[in-house]
Each structure stands twice: as structure tokens, then as C-alpha cells.
C-alpha atoms as a PDB file:
ATOM      1  CA  MET A   1     -16.342 -53.318 163.195  1.00  0.00           C
ATOM      2  CA  PHE A   2     -15.419 -49.465 163.069  1.00  0.00           C
ATOM      3  CA  ASP A   3     -15.889 -48.964 160.091  1.00  0.00           C
ATOM      4  CA  GLY A   4     -18.554 -46.050 159.253  1.00  0.00           C
ATOM      5  CA  LEU A   5     -18.739 -45.088 162.900  1.00  0.00           C
ATOM      6  CA  TYR A   6     -19.205 -41.557 164.310  1.00  0.00           C
ATOM      7  CA  PHE A   7     -20.423 -39.546 167.606  1.00  0.00           C
ATOM      8  CA  GLU A   8     -23.441 -38.663 168.327  1.00  0.00           C
ATOM      9  CA  PHE A   9     -22.384 -35.832 170.877  1.00  0.00           C
ATOM     10  CA  PRO A  10     -18.797 -34.760 169.197  1.00  0.00           C
ATOM     11  CA  LEU A  11     -18.773 -31.431 171.319  1.00  0.00           C
ATOM     12  CA  PHE A  12     -17.928 -33.348 174.485  1.00  0.00           C
ATOM     13  CA  ILE A  13     -14.700 -34.226 173.978  1.00  0.00           C
ATOM     14  CA  ALA A  14     -14.021 -30.196 175.326  1.00  0.00           C
ATOM     15  CA  ILE A  15     -14.595 -31.781 178.471  1.00  0.00           C
ATOM     16  CA  VAL A  16     -10.803 -32.953 178.201  1.00  0.00           C
ATOM     17  CA  LEU A  17      -9.802 -29.461 178.305  1.00  0.00           C
ATOM     18  CA  LEU A  18     -11.383 -28.897 181.750  1.00  0.00           C
ATOM     19  CA  PHE A  19      -9.660 -31.945 183.167  1.00  0.00           C
ATOM     20  CA  ILE A  20      -6.677 -29.913 181.271  1.00  0.00           C
ATOM     21  CA  PHE A  21      -7.171 -27.083 183.005  1.00  0.00           C
ATOM     22  CA  CYS A  22      -8.125 -28.370 186.389  1.00  0.00           C
ATOM     23  CA  ALA A  23      -5.007 -30.624 186.038  1.00  0.00           C
ATOM     24  CA  ASN A  24      -2.490 -27.301 185.971  1.00  0.00           C
ATOM     25  CA  TYR A  25      -4.678 -24.709 187.737  1.00  0.00           C
ATOM     26  CA  CYS A  26      -6.794 -26.698 190.364  1.00  0.00           C
ATOM     27  CA  LYS A  27      -4.406 -28.138 192.208  1.00  0.00           C
ATOM     28  CA  MET A  28      -4.608 -28.787 196.340  1.00  0.00           C
ATOM     29  CA  LYS A  29      -1.988 -26.979 198.316  1.00  0.00           C
ATOM     30  CA  LEU A  30      -0.439 -28.990 201.236  1.00  0.00           C
ATOM     31  CA  PRO A  31       2.689 -27.746 203.587  1.00  0.00           C
ATOM     32  CA  SER A  32       5.995 -29.776 202.527  1.00  0.00           C
ATOM     33  CA  PHE A  33       8.201 -31.056 203.997  1.00  0.00           C
ATOM     34  CA  TYR A  34      11.644 -32.002 203.448  1.00  0.00           C
ATOM     35  CA  PHE A  35      13.348 -35.682 203.917  1.00  0.00           C
ATOM     36  CA  PRO A  36      16.930 -35.584 202.929  1.00  0.00           C
ATOM     37  CA  HIS A  37      18.360 -38.841 201.931  1.00  0.00           C
ATOM     38  CA  THR A  38      15.021 -39.566 199.267  1.00  0.00           C
ATOM     39  CA  SER A  39      17.602 -39.535 195.723  1.00  0.00           C
ATOM     40  CA  GLU A  40      17.584 -43.359 196.113  1.00  0.00           C
ATOM     41  CA  PHE A  41      14.217 -43.879 195.966  1.00  0.00           C
ATOM     42  CA  MET A  42      13.560 -41.835 192.783  1.00  0.00           C
ATOM     43  CA  SER A  43      14.250 -44.275 190.173  1.00  0.00           C
ATOM     44  CA  SER A  44      11.289 -46.271 191.098  1.00  0.00           C
ATOM     45  CA  SER A  45       8.721 -43.717 191.975  1.00  0.00           C
ATOM     46  CA  VAL A  46       9.163 -41.926 188.594  1.00  0.00           C
ATOM     47  CA  SER A  47       8.238 -45.175 186.748  1.00  0.00           C
ATOM     48  CA  ALA A  48       5.364 -45.863 189.024  1.00  0.00           C
ATOM     49  CA  SER A  49       4.132 -42.493 188.928  1.00  0.00           C
ATOM     50  CA  LYS A  50       4.292 -42.817 185.197  1.00  0.00           C
ATOM     51  CA  SER A  51       1.995 -45.585 185.248  1.00  0.00           C
ATOM     52  CA  LEU A  52      -0.307 -43.695 187.751  1.00  0.00           C
ATOM     53  CA  PHE A  53      -0.348 -40.832 185.222  1.00  0.00           C
ATOM     54  CA  PHE A  54      -1.350 -43.064 182.212  1.00  0.00           C
ATOM     55  CA  LEU A  55      -4.179 -44.588 184.000  1.00  0.00           C
ATOM     56  CA  LYS A  56      -5.199 -41.437 185.426  1.00  0.00           C
ATOM     57  CA  TRP A  57      -5.656 -40.146 181.477  1.00  0.00           C
ATOM     58  CA  LEU A  58      -6.362 -43.130 179.861  1.00  0.00           C
ATOM     59  CA  ALA A  59      -9.552 -43.594 182.194  1.00  0.00           C
ATOM     60  CA  ILE A  60     -10.519 -39.660 181.857  1.00  0.00           C
ATOM     61  CA  LEU A  61     -10.480 -40.018 178.164  1.00  0.00           C
ATOM     62  CA  MET A  62     -12.267 -43.298 177.933  1.00  0.00           C
ATOM     63  CA  LEU A  63     -14.937 -41.702 179.833  1.00  0.00           C
ATOM     64  CA  VAL A  64     -15.065 -38.764 177.658  1.00  0.00           C
ATOM     65  CA  ILE A  65     -15.672 -40.953 174.723  1.00  0.00           C
ATOM     66  CA  SER A  66     -18.261 -42.773 175.834  1.00  0.00           C
ATOM     67  CA  LEU A  67     -20.604 -39.588 177.101  1.00  0.00           C
ATOM     68  CA  MET A  68     -19.686 -38.543 172.963  1.00  0.00           C
ATOM     69  CA  SER A  69     -21.626 -42.009 172.162  1.00  0.00           C
ATOM     70  CA  PRO A  70     -20.094 -43.765 169.606  1.00  0.00           C
ATOM     71  CA  VAL A  71     -22.450 -44.931 167.065  1.00  0.00           C
ATOM     72  CA  LYS A  72     -22.757 -46.765 164.086  1.00  0.00           C
ATOM     73  CA  ASP A  73     -25.808 -47.225 161.020  1.00  0.00           C
ATOM     74  CA  GLU A  74     -26.543 -51.131 160.080  1.00  0.00           C
ATOM     75  CA  PRO A  75     -28.712 -51.404 157.667  1.00  0.00           C
ATOM     76  CA  TYR A  76     -31.076 -53.995 157.203  1.00  0.00           C
ATOM     77  CA  GLN A  77     -33.751 -54.861 154.799  1.00  0.00           C
ATOM     78  CA  LEU A  78     -37.378 -55.727 154.923  1.00  0.00           C
ATOM     79  CA  GLU A  79     -38.938 -58.396 153.358  1.00  0.00           C
ATOM     80  CA  PRO A  80     -40.902 -57.314 149.970  1.00  0.00           C
ATOM     81  CA  LYS A  81     -44.371 -58.310 150.228  1.00  0.00           C
ATOM     82  CA  ASP A  82     -45.269 -57.151 146.523  1.00  0.00           C
ATOM     83  CA  GLY A  83     -42.991 -58.709 144.523  1.00  0.00           C
ATOM     84  CA  TYR A  84     -43.193 -61.855 142.092  1.00  0.00           C
ATOM     85  CA  GLU A  85     -44.758 -65.350 143.558  1.00  0.00           C
ATOM     86  CA  ILE A  86     -42.567 -68.137 141.129  1.00  0.00           C
ATOM     87  CA  ALA A  87     -43.160 -71.899 140.994  1.00  0.00           C
ATOM     88  CA  LEU A  88     -40.370 -73.893 139.963  1.00  0.00           C
ATOM     89  CA  ILE A  89     -41.246 -77.007 138.573  1.00  0.00           C
ATOM     90  CA  LEU A  90     -38.779 -79.464 137.992  1.00  0.00           C
ATOM     91  CA  ASP A  91     -38.685 -82.682 135.849  1.00  0.00           C
ATOM     92  CA  ALA A  92     -36.595 -85.217 138.172  1.00  0.00           C
ATOM     93  CA  SER A  93     -37.613 -88.139 136.169  1.00  0.00           C
ATOM     94  CA  GLN A  94     -35.288 -91.229 135.096  1.00  0.00           C
ATOM     95  CA  SER A  95     -34.868 -89.516 131.633  1.00  0.00           C
ATOM     96  CA  MET A  96     -33.334 -86.471 133.541  1.00  0.00           C
ATOM     97  CA  LYS A  97     -30.142 -89.161 134.155  1.00  0.00           C
ATOM     98  CA  ALA A  98     -29.052 -88.406 130.576  1.00  0.00           C
ATOM     99  CA  GLN A  99     -25.480 -87.221 129.657  1.00  0.00           C
ATOM    100  CA  GLY A 100     -24.628 -84.548 127.069  1.00  0.00           C
ATOM    101  CA  PHE A 101     -26.881 -81.665 127.559  1.00  0.00           C
ATOM    102  CA  ASP A 102     -23.720 -79.787 127.986  1.00  0.00           C
ATOM    103  CA  LEU A 103     -21.036 -79.549 125.734  1.00  0.00           C
ATOM    104  CA  VAL A 104     -18.446 -78.060 127.665  1.00  0.00           C
ATOM    105  CA  ASN A 105     -19.182 -81.455 130.139  1.00  0.00           C
ATOM    106  CA  PRO A 106     -20.528 -83.864 128.837  1.00  0.00           C
ATOM    107  CA  SER A 107     -20.384 -85.964 131.638  1.00  0.00           C
ATOM    108  CA  LEU A 108     -22.731 -83.900 133.548  1.00  0.00           C
ATOM    109  CA  SER A 109     -26.678 -85.213 133.677  1.00  0.00           C
ATOM    110  CA  ARG A 110     -29.620 -83.096 132.349  1.00  0.00           C
ATOM    111  CA  PHE A 111     -30.444 -82.419 136.113  1.00  0.00           C
ATOM    112  CA  ASP A 112     -27.070 -81.652 137.241  1.00  0.00           C
ATOM    113  CA  VAL A 113     -27.478 -78.703 134.047  1.00  0.00           C
ATOM    114  CA  VAL A 114     -30.544 -77.818 135.358  1.00  0.00           C
ATOM    115  CA  LYS A 115     -29.861 -77.835 139.386  1.00  0.00           C
ATOM    116  CA  TYR A 116     -27.327 -74.895 138.393  1.00  0.00           C
ATOM    117  CA  ILE A 117     -29.160 -73.282 136.149  1.00  0.00           C
ATOM    118  CA  VAL A 118     -31.771 -73.005 138.940  1.00  0.00           C
ATOM    119  CA  SER A 119     -29.757 -71.852 140.806  1.00  0.00           C
ATOM    120  CA  LYS A 120     -28.719 -69.471 139.372  1.00  0.00           C
ATOM    121  CA  PHE A 121     -31.804 -68.154 138.537  1.00  0.00           C
ATOM    122  CA  VAL A 122     -33.111 -68.544 141.648  1.00  0.00           C
ATOM    123  CA  LYS A 123     -29.929 -65.882 143.587  1.00  0.00           C
ATOM    124  CA  ALA A 124     -30.731 -63.343 140.519  1.00  0.00           C
ATOM    125  CA  ARG A 125     -34.751 -63.181 141.843  1.00  0.00           C
ATOM    126  CA  LYS A 126     -33.655 -61.283 145.213  1.00  0.00           C
ATOM    127  CA  ASN A 127     -37.715 -59.871 145.726  1.00  0.00           C
ATOM    128  CA  ASP A 128     -39.250 -62.809 144.990  1.00  0.00           C
ATOM    129  CA  ASN A 129     -41.362 -65.326 146.878  1.00  0.00           C
ATOM    130  CA  ILE A 130     -40.106 -68.594 145.510  1.00  0.00           C
ATOM    131  CA  GLY A 131     -41.017 -72.155 145.763  1.00  0.00           C
ATOM    132  CA  LEU A 132     -40.147 -75.679 144.596  1.00  0.00           C
ATOM    133  CA  VAL A 133     -42.062 -78.348 142.727  1.00  0.00           C
ATOM    134  CA  VAL A 134     -40.507 -82.176 142.413  1.00  0.00           C
ATOM    135  CA  PHE A 135     -42.140 -84.737 139.799  1.00  0.00           C
ATOM    136  CA  GLY A 136     -41.155 -87.963 138.392  1.00  0.00           C
ATOM    137  CA  SER A 137     -44.144 -90.364 138.919  1.00  0.00           C
ATOM    138  CA  TYR A 138     -45.705 -88.088 141.375  1.00  0.00           C
ATOM    139  CA  SER A 139     -45.152 -84.639 142.461  1.00  0.00           C
ATOM    140  CA  PHE A 140     -44.663 -83.090 145.624  1.00  0.00           C
ATOM    141  CA  ILE A 141     -43.391 -79.469 146.941  1.00  0.00           C
ATOM    142  CA  ALA A 142     -39.576 -79.408 147.774  1.00  0.00           C
ATOM    143  CA  SER A 143     -39.961 -75.894 148.981  1.00  0.00           C
ATOM    144  CA  PRO A 144     -42.776 -74.056 150.158  1.00  0.00           C
ATOM    145  CA  LEU A 145     -42.696 -70.077 148.767  1.00  0.00           C
ATOM    146  CA  THR A 146     -39.260 -68.213 150.499  1.00  0.00           C
ATOM    147  CA  TYR A 147     -37.652 -65.693 150.159  1.00  0.00           C
ATOM    148  CA  ASP A 148     -34.150 -67.253 151.487  1.00  0.00           C
ATOM    149  CA  ALA A 149     -32.288 -67.806 147.900  1.00  0.00           C
ATOM    150  CA  ASN A 150     -29.575 -69.547 150.642  1.00  0.00           C
ATOM    151  CA  ILE A 151     -32.323 -72.189 152.021  1.00  0.00           C
ATOM    152  CA  LEU A 152     -33.457 -72.292 148.892  1.00  0.00           C
ATOM    153  CA  ASN A 153     -30.641 -73.205 146.481  1.00  0.00           C
ATOM    154  CA  LYS A 154     -29.296 -75.798 149.659  1.00  0.00           C
ATOM    155  CA  ILE A 155     -33.108 -77.819 148.918  1.00  0.00           C
ATOM    156  CA  ILE A 156     -32.061 -77.460 145.239  1.00  0.00           C
ATOM    157  CA  SER A 157     -28.460 -78.575 145.453  1.00  0.00           C
ATOM    158  CA  GLN A 158     -29.790 -82.111 147.676  1.00  0.00           C
ATOM    159  CA  LEU A 159     -32.240 -83.061 144.851  1.00  0.00           C
ATOM    160  CA  TYR A 160     -31.312 -86.078 142.817  1.00  0.00           C
ATOM    161  CA  VAL A 161     -32.721 -87.927 139.538  1.00  0.00           C
ATOM    162  CA  GLY A 162     -35.809 -90.552 140.926  1.00  0.00           C
ATOM    163  CA  MET A 163     -36.647 -89.314 144.007  1.00  0.00           C
ATOM    164  CA  ALA A 164     -39.957 -88.740 142.544  1.00  0.00           C
ATOM    165  CA  GLY A 165     -40.202 -92.149 140.852  1.00  0.00           C
ATOM    166  CA  LYS A 166     -38.635 -92.489 137.092  1.00  0.00           C
ATOM    167  CA  TYR A 167     -42.179 -91.903 135.456  1.00  0.00           C
ATOM    168  CA  THR A 168     -43.072 -88.292 134.016  1.00  0.00           C
ATOM    169  CA  ALA A 169     -46.713 -86.940 135.620  1.00  0.00           C
ATOM    170  CA  LEU A 170     -46.262 -83.775 133.875  1.00  0.00           C
ATOM    171  CA  ASN A 171     -49.981 -82.522 134.777  1.00  0.00           C
ATOM    172  CA  THR A 172     -49.869 -83.388 138.239  1.00  0.00           C
ATOM    173  CA  SER A 173     -47.089 -81.339 138.419  1.00  0.00           C
ATOM    174  CA  LEU A 174     -48.663 -78.517 137.006  1.00  0.00           C
ATOM    175  CA  ALA A 175     -51.806 -78.720 139.217  1.00  0.00           C
ATOM    176  CA  GLN A 176     -49.182 -79.153 142.694  1.00  0.00           C
ATOM    177  CA  GLY A 177     -47.151 -76.003 141.303  1.00  0.00           C
ATOM    178  CA  VAL A 178     -50.698 -74.401 141.419  1.00  0.00           C
ATOM    179  CA  ASN A 179     -51.950 -75.538 144.854  1.00  0.00           C
ATOM    180  CA  LEU A 180     -48.407 -74.099 145.716  1.00  0.00           C
ATOM    181  CA  LEU A 181     -49.469 -70.620 144.439  1.00  0.00           C
ATOM    182  CA  LYS A 182     -53.185 -70.302 145.087  1.00  0.00           C
ATOM    183  CA  MET A 183     -52.781 -69.471 148.623  1.00  0.00           C
ATOM    184  CA  SER A 184     -50.625 -66.071 148.057  1.00  0.00           C
ATOM    185  CA  GLU A 185     -52.395 -63.207 147.683  1.00  0.00           C
ATOM    186  CA  SER A 186     -49.814 -61.582 145.127  1.00  0.00           C
ATOM    187  CA  LYS A 187     -50.989 -60.441 141.282  1.00  0.00           C
ATOM    188  CA  SER A 188     -48.143 -61.813 139.847  1.00  0.00           C
ATOM    189  CA  LYS A 189     -47.958 -65.434 139.975  1.00  0.00           C
ATOM    190  CA  VAL A 190     -45.566 -67.330 137.671  1.00  0.00           C
ATOM    191  CA  ALA A 191     -44.820 -71.242 137.479  1.00  0.00           C
ATOM    192  CA  ILE A 192     -41.882 -72.181 135.239  1.00  0.00           C
ATOM    193  CA  LEU A 193     -42.762 -75.842 134.167  1.00  0.00           C
ATOM    194  CA  LEU A 194     -38.982 -77.857 133.194  1.00  0.00           C
ATOM    195  CA  THR A 195     -39.480 -80.829 131.782  1.00  0.00           C
ATOM    196  CA  ASP A 196     -37.519 -83.658 129.103  1.00  0.00           C
ATOM    197  CA  GLY A 197     -40.410 -85.970 128.058  1.00  0.00           C
ATOM    198  CA  TYR A 198     -43.947 -86.840 127.768  1.00  0.00           C
ATOM    199  CA  SER A 199     -46.733 -87.497 129.976  1.00  0.00           C
ATOM    200  CA  THR A 200     -47.244 -91.090 131.180  1.00  0.00           C
ATOM    201  CA  PRO A 201     -50.644 -91.673 131.019  1.00  0.00           C
ATOM    202  CA  SER A 202     -50.967 -94.463 133.844  1.00  0.00           C
ATOM    203  CA  ILE A 203     -49.443 -92.371 136.430  1.00  0.00           C
ATOM    204  CA  ASP A 204     -50.277 -88.904 135.286  1.00  0.00           C
ATOM    205  CA  LYS A 205     -53.940 -88.549 137.336  1.00  0.00           C
ATOM    206  CA  VAL A 206     -55.198 -85.393 136.302  1.00  0.00           C
ATOM    207  CA  PRO A 207     -56.032 -84.466 132.969  1.00  0.00           C
ATOM    208  CA  LEU A 208     -53.945 -81.330 130.988  1.00  0.00           C
ATOM    209  CA  ASP A 209     -57.419 -79.444 130.841  1.00  0.00           C
ATOM    210  CA  VAL A 210     -58.452 -79.425 134.550  1.00  0.00           C
ATOM    211  CA  ALA A 211     -54.941 -78.366 135.610  1.00  0.00           C
ATOM    212  CA  LEU A 212     -55.091 -75.689 133.070  1.00  0.00           C
ATOM    213  CA  GLU A 213     -58.579 -74.916 134.347  1.00  0.00           C
ATOM    214  CA  MET A 214     -56.360 -74.607 137.867  1.00  0.00           C
ATOM    215  CA  ALA A 215     -53.851 -72.419 136.607  1.00  0.00           C
ATOM    216  CA  ILE A 216     -56.143 -69.796 135.026  1.00  0.00           C
ATOM    217  CA  LYS A 217     -58.586 -69.351 137.444  1.00  0.00           C
ATOM    218  CA  GLU A 218     -55.681 -68.871 139.654  1.00  0.00           C
ATOM    219  CA  ASN A 219     -54.342 -66.343 137.154  1.00  0.00           C
ATOM    220  CA  ILE A 220     -50.687 -68.184 136.987  1.00  0.00           C
ATOM    221  CA  LYS A 221     -48.869 -67.591 133.697  1.00  0.00           C
ATOM    222  CA  VAL A 222     -47.256 -70.935 133.067  1.00  0.00           C
ATOM    223  CA  TYR A 223     -44.161 -70.852 131.155  1.00  0.00           C
ATOM    224  CA  PRO A 224     -43.058 -74.375 130.213  1.00  0.00           C
ATOM    225  CA  VAL A 225     -39.549 -75.732 129.012  1.00  0.00           C
ATOM    226  CA  GLY A 226     -39.011 -78.400 127.356  1.00  0.00           C
ATOM    227  CA  ILE A 227     -34.701 -79.629 126.996  1.00  0.00           C
ATOM    228  CA  GLY A 228     -33.016 -82.262 124.977  1.00  0.00           C
ATOM    229  CA  MET A 229     -34.022 -82.502 121.187  1.00  0.00           C
ATOM    230  CA  PRO A 230     -37.070 -81.466 119.749  1.00  0.00           C
ATOM    231  CA  HIS A 231     -39.137 -85.074 119.351  1.00  0.00           C
ATOM    232  CA  GLU A 232     -37.941 -86.045 123.372  1.00  0.00           C
ATOM    233  CA  TYR A 233     -40.610 -83.708 125.151  1.00  0.00           C
ATOM    234  CA  ASN A 234     -44.065 -83.049 124.006  1.00  0.00           C
ATOM    235  CA  ARG A 235     -43.917 -79.757 122.409  1.00  0.00           C
ATOM    236  CA  ALA A 236     -47.390 -79.675 121.407  1.00  0.00           C
ATOM    237  CA  VAL A 237     -48.544 -80.059 125.028  1.00  0.00           C
ATOM    238  CA  LEU A 238     -45.941 -77.150 126.060  1.00  0.00           C
ATOM    239  CA  LEU A 239     -47.540 -74.726 123.272  1.00  0.00           C
ATOM    240  CA  LYS A 240     -51.249 -75.221 124.861  1.00  0.00           C
ATOM    241  CA  ILE A 241     -50.042 -74.521 128.301  1.00  0.00           C
ATOM    242  CA  ALA A 242     -48.481 -71.592 127.349  1.00  0.00           C
ATOM    243  CA  LYS A 243     -50.984 -70.291 125.143  1.00  0.00           C
ATOM    244  CA  LYS A 244     -53.906 -71.114 127.727  1.00  0.00           C
ATOM    245  CA  THR A 245     -51.988 -68.869 130.699  1.00  0.00           C
ATOM    246  CA  GLY A 246     -51.009 -66.307 128.371  1.00  0.00           C
ATOM    247  CA  ALA A 247     -47.273 -67.289 128.521  1.00  0.00           C
ATOM    248  CA  LYS A 248     -44.712 -68.446 126.318  1.00  0.00           C
ATOM    249  CA  ALA A 249     -43.147 -72.094 126.040  1.00  0.00           C
ATOM    250  CA  PHE A 250     -39.638 -72.535 125.108  1.00  0.00           C
ATOM    251  CA  GLY A 251     -37.348 -75.615 124.405  1.00  0.00           C
ATOM    252  CA  ALA A 252     -33.284 -75.781 124.727  1.00  0.00           C
ATOM    253  CA  SER A 253     -31.456 -78.348 123.666  1.00  0.00           C
ATOM    254  CA  SER A 254     -28.215 -77.628 125.450  1.00  0.00           C
ATOM    255  CA  ALA A 255     -26.976 -75.774 128.775  1.00  0.00           C
ATOM    256  CA  MET A 256     -26.197 -72.796 126.962  1.00  0.00           C
ATOM    257  CA  GLU A 257     -30.037 -72.446 125.230  1.00  0.00           C
ATOM    258  CA  LEU A 258     -31.541 -73.206 128.879  1.00  0.00           C
ATOM    259  CA  GLN A 259     -29.897 -70.558 130.281  1.00  0.00           C
ATOM    260  CA  GLU A 260     -30.689 -67.636 127.545  1.00  0.00           C
ATOM    261  CA  VAL A 261     -33.923 -69.579 128.357  1.00  0.00           C
ATOM    262  CA  TYR A 262     -34.064 -68.634 132.165  1.00  0.00           C
ATOM    263  CA  ARG A 263     -32.681 -65.199 131.015  1.00  0.00           C
ATOM    264  CA  GLU A 264     -35.226 -64.755 128.803  1.00  0.00           C
ATOM    265  CA  ILE A 265     -38.055 -65.577 131.683  1.00  0.00           C
ATOM    266  CA  ASP A 266     -36.012 -63.349 134.095  1.00  0.00           C
ATOM    267  CA  LYS A 267     -36.657 -60.253 131.412  1.00  0.00           C
ATOM    268  CA  LEU A 268     -40.231 -60.946 130.727  1.00  0.00           C
ATOM    269  CA  GLU A 269     -41.079 -61.465 134.269  1.00  0.00           C
ATOM    270  CA  LYS A 270     -39.073 -58.198 136.211  1.00  0.00           C
ATOM    271  CA  SER A 271     -39.626 -57.447 139.333  1.00  0.00           C
ATOM    272  CA  LYS A 272     -39.462 -53.839 139.741  1.00  0.00           C
ATOM    273  CA  ILE A 273     -40.315 -54.300 143.584  1.00  0.00           C
ATOM    274  CA  GLU A 274     -37.179 -53.336 145.473  1.00  0.00           C
ATOM    275  CA  ALA A 275     -36.532 -54.535 149.422  1.00  0.00           C
ATOM    276  CA  GLN A 276     -37.243 -51.617 151.367  1.00  0.00           C
ATOM    277  CA  THR A 277     -33.785 -50.603 153.208  1.00  0.00           C
ATOM    278  CA  PHE A 278     -33.620 -49.199 156.965  1.00  0.00           C
ATOM    279  CA  SER A 279     -31.293 -48.863 159.505  1.00  0.00           C
ATOM    280  CA  TYR A 280     -30.712 -48.764 163.112  1.00  0.00           C
ATOM    281  CA  ILE A 281     -28.102 -47.425 165.659  1.00  0.00           C
ATOM    282  CA  LYS A 282     -25.953 -49.123 166.982  1.00  0.00           C
ATOM    283  CA  TYR A 283     -24.185 -48.142 170.509  1.00  0.00           C
ATOM    284  CA  TYR A 284     -20.726 -48.740 170.925  1.00  0.00           C
ATOM    285  CA  TYR A 285     -20.379 -46.655 174.160  1.00  0.00           C
ATOM    286  CA  THR A 286     -20.005 -49.405 176.546  1.00  0.00           C
ATOM    287  CA  TYR A 287     -16.388 -50.301 175.619  1.00  0.00           C
ATOM    288  CA  PRO A 288     -14.639 -47.205 176.300  1.00  0.00           C
ATOM    289  CA  LEU A 289     -16.630 -46.961 179.619  1.00  0.00           C
ATOM    290  CA  PHE A 290     -15.900 -50.921 180.816  1.00  0.00           C
ATOM    291  CA  LEU A 291     -11.935 -49.626 179.593  1.00  0.00           C
ATOM    292  CA  SER A 292     -11.868 -46.137 181.472  1.00  0.00           C
ATOM    293  CA  LEU A 293     -13.577 -48.380 184.795  1.00  0.00           C
ATOM    294  CA  LEU A 294     -11.067 -51.010 184.667  1.00  0.00           C
ATOM    295  CA  SER A 295      -8.078 -48.363 183.842  1.00  0.00           C
ATOM    296  CA  LEU A 296      -9.420 -46.272 187.126  1.00  0.00           C
ATOM    297  CA  MET A 297      -9.789 -49.319 189.115  1.00  0.00           C
ATOM    298  CA  LEU A 298      -5.673 -50.028 188.376  1.00  0.00           C
ATOM    299  CA  TYR A 299      -5.184 -46.505 188.867  1.00  0.00           C
ATOM    300  CA  LEU A 300      -6.767 -46.649 192.349  1.00  0.00           C
ATOM    301  CA  TYR A 301      -5.068 -49.870 193.520  1.00  0.00           C
ATOM    302  CA  LEU A 302      -1.563 -49.175 192.234  1.00  0.00           C
ATOM    303  CA  ARG A 303      -2.155 -45.647 194.285  1.00  0.00           C
ATOM    304  CA  ASN A 304      -3.251 -47.640 197.721  1.00  0.00           C
ATOM    305  CA  LYS A 305      -0.442 -49.555 197.194  1.00  0.00           C
ATOM    306  CA  ARG A 306       2.031 -47.103 197.496  1.00  0.00           C
ATOM    307  CA  GLY A 307       0.331 -45.597 199.861  1.00  0.00           C
ATOM    308  CA  ARG A 308      -0.654 -42.553 198.530  1.00  0.00           C
ATOM    309  CA  VAL A 309      -3.169 -40.173 199.311  1.00  0.00           C
END
């Protein structure tokens, strides 16, 4: 809590010297009276005097410290407004339930692996505004654009296979990703479209050319990523999407290759925008001031209790 604490007015410590001077040279002179047989009262009187002495100087010291104004610089960041805006479009169709994609943990489904790798990608893109589209038989926006990676990763962790139906509406999902990004005024818009299958014609109501025209109109680069064996997804369609939007298509047959794909995309579209860091001053003078007042009240209470003036 007190790391980085400093004083705004450190020279006020000299006030303590003034109190010390007055304690020694500004004493009030009163007439002296002699009372015999007082030795039996001395032991209790000395103990009480020590307590009063401690409370008096604690009150003075804490008051001086509060006058010195202990403060601490608390940094905070403004959300960057000029970074990349990214739509993550994830296939959650039934085929994503297939296992064996991760050679280290073959029991994991493709979708489990994708969620883990995408979460890492989100954490790495600290200055970007990222949204999420999930698709199967239909597509929906699971998260609007947000700078909050923690919230986005929480949403990703709750996704599951089949939540949007068991088929693959690939073209519709691309159009939905464009809808997510089109309201943005950012000059750098990117969509990463991940799938492991072919579009289902009876389900996919949006023609591919229409979805591509929408992306081109909004100046959106679309990086298509096919996962699984090359024959399991429509490589020709993914190449077409990448070429038309000025991006690059990828394929990954294992979890390790998919990690490399997201690393490469991260390098290709590396944001140069850094969040602006500011700091505000947090004041801590209230703590010593409260302690000073408490010590003073205890001092007065004990002093009056002893019957001293």
C-alpha cells in the first residue's frame, strides 16, 4: 500500500524542532509547594506521566506528518482509440467436437484447443478492440467490440460445440463479422475466420460473393484459417476470401500449427498504438491526522482523569 509514498512538503518536519524547543524553553513558571510523604505516590505517577508523554508526542508527530502531506502516484491507462479492431469468427459446428487435434492431449476436442489458443491471442492484443462471432447453422455476435480482455476471455470460456447448431453457415458468419466491424470508424479492421468444414448450402443463406463485397466495402482484411486435414475444409474458398480482402489464408492440422498461425497473424497485424498512461495523486494525510486526533483525545482524557491542569 505504501510503496512509492513520498511527501509533498517534506520541510514541514522542521515544525517538530519548534515543539522540542518550546518543550525545553517555553515552560510556564508556577509557584512551588512542598508536600511531605509523597514517595508512595511516585510509582503510579511516573507510569501515568510516561503514557501522557507518549500520547502528546505521538499526536504532535502525526499532526506534522499530515501537514507534510504524504502522497502516492497512482498510474492508470486510457483506452487506446486508434488501435486495431478485430472480429474473431469461430466455428462451433458439430465437427469441432472431433478429438486428436492436439497431439499432446488427444482427448481434447478441436473447439477446446481453439478456445485456449484464441484466449492467448486476445491477451496478447492489449491495445485492440476485439469482438466475437460464433457460428454453426446460424451465426451470432457473442461479444461486441471491447478492450476488456478479461470479459472477452470469460465469454470464450463459456462457448461450447453446437451452441449455434450443428451445420456450417460459413458465408453468413463472414457477413456477421462485417456487421460487427462496420459501425467502427477505425482505419484498421481485421477479421479472423476459423473453420474446420465446408459451407452447408441449404443452411448458408448469404452467397459468398455478397459477403465478400460487404467486407471489401468496409475495408476489412479477412484472415481465413482452416483447421484439420486439408480435405476437411474448403481451401479454395478460404484462398478466395483472403485474396479478395488483401489478407492471407492459413491451414493448421494440429494445435501446434494453429498456435503458429495466430502468432503469424499477430505479427502481420501488429498494433503500433500504445495505451496512454497517466497518474493521479492519492493523498494519505487523513491516516496520520486521524491518529493524531485520537492520541490527543486520549491525552486529554487521561490528563483530566488525573486531575491535572
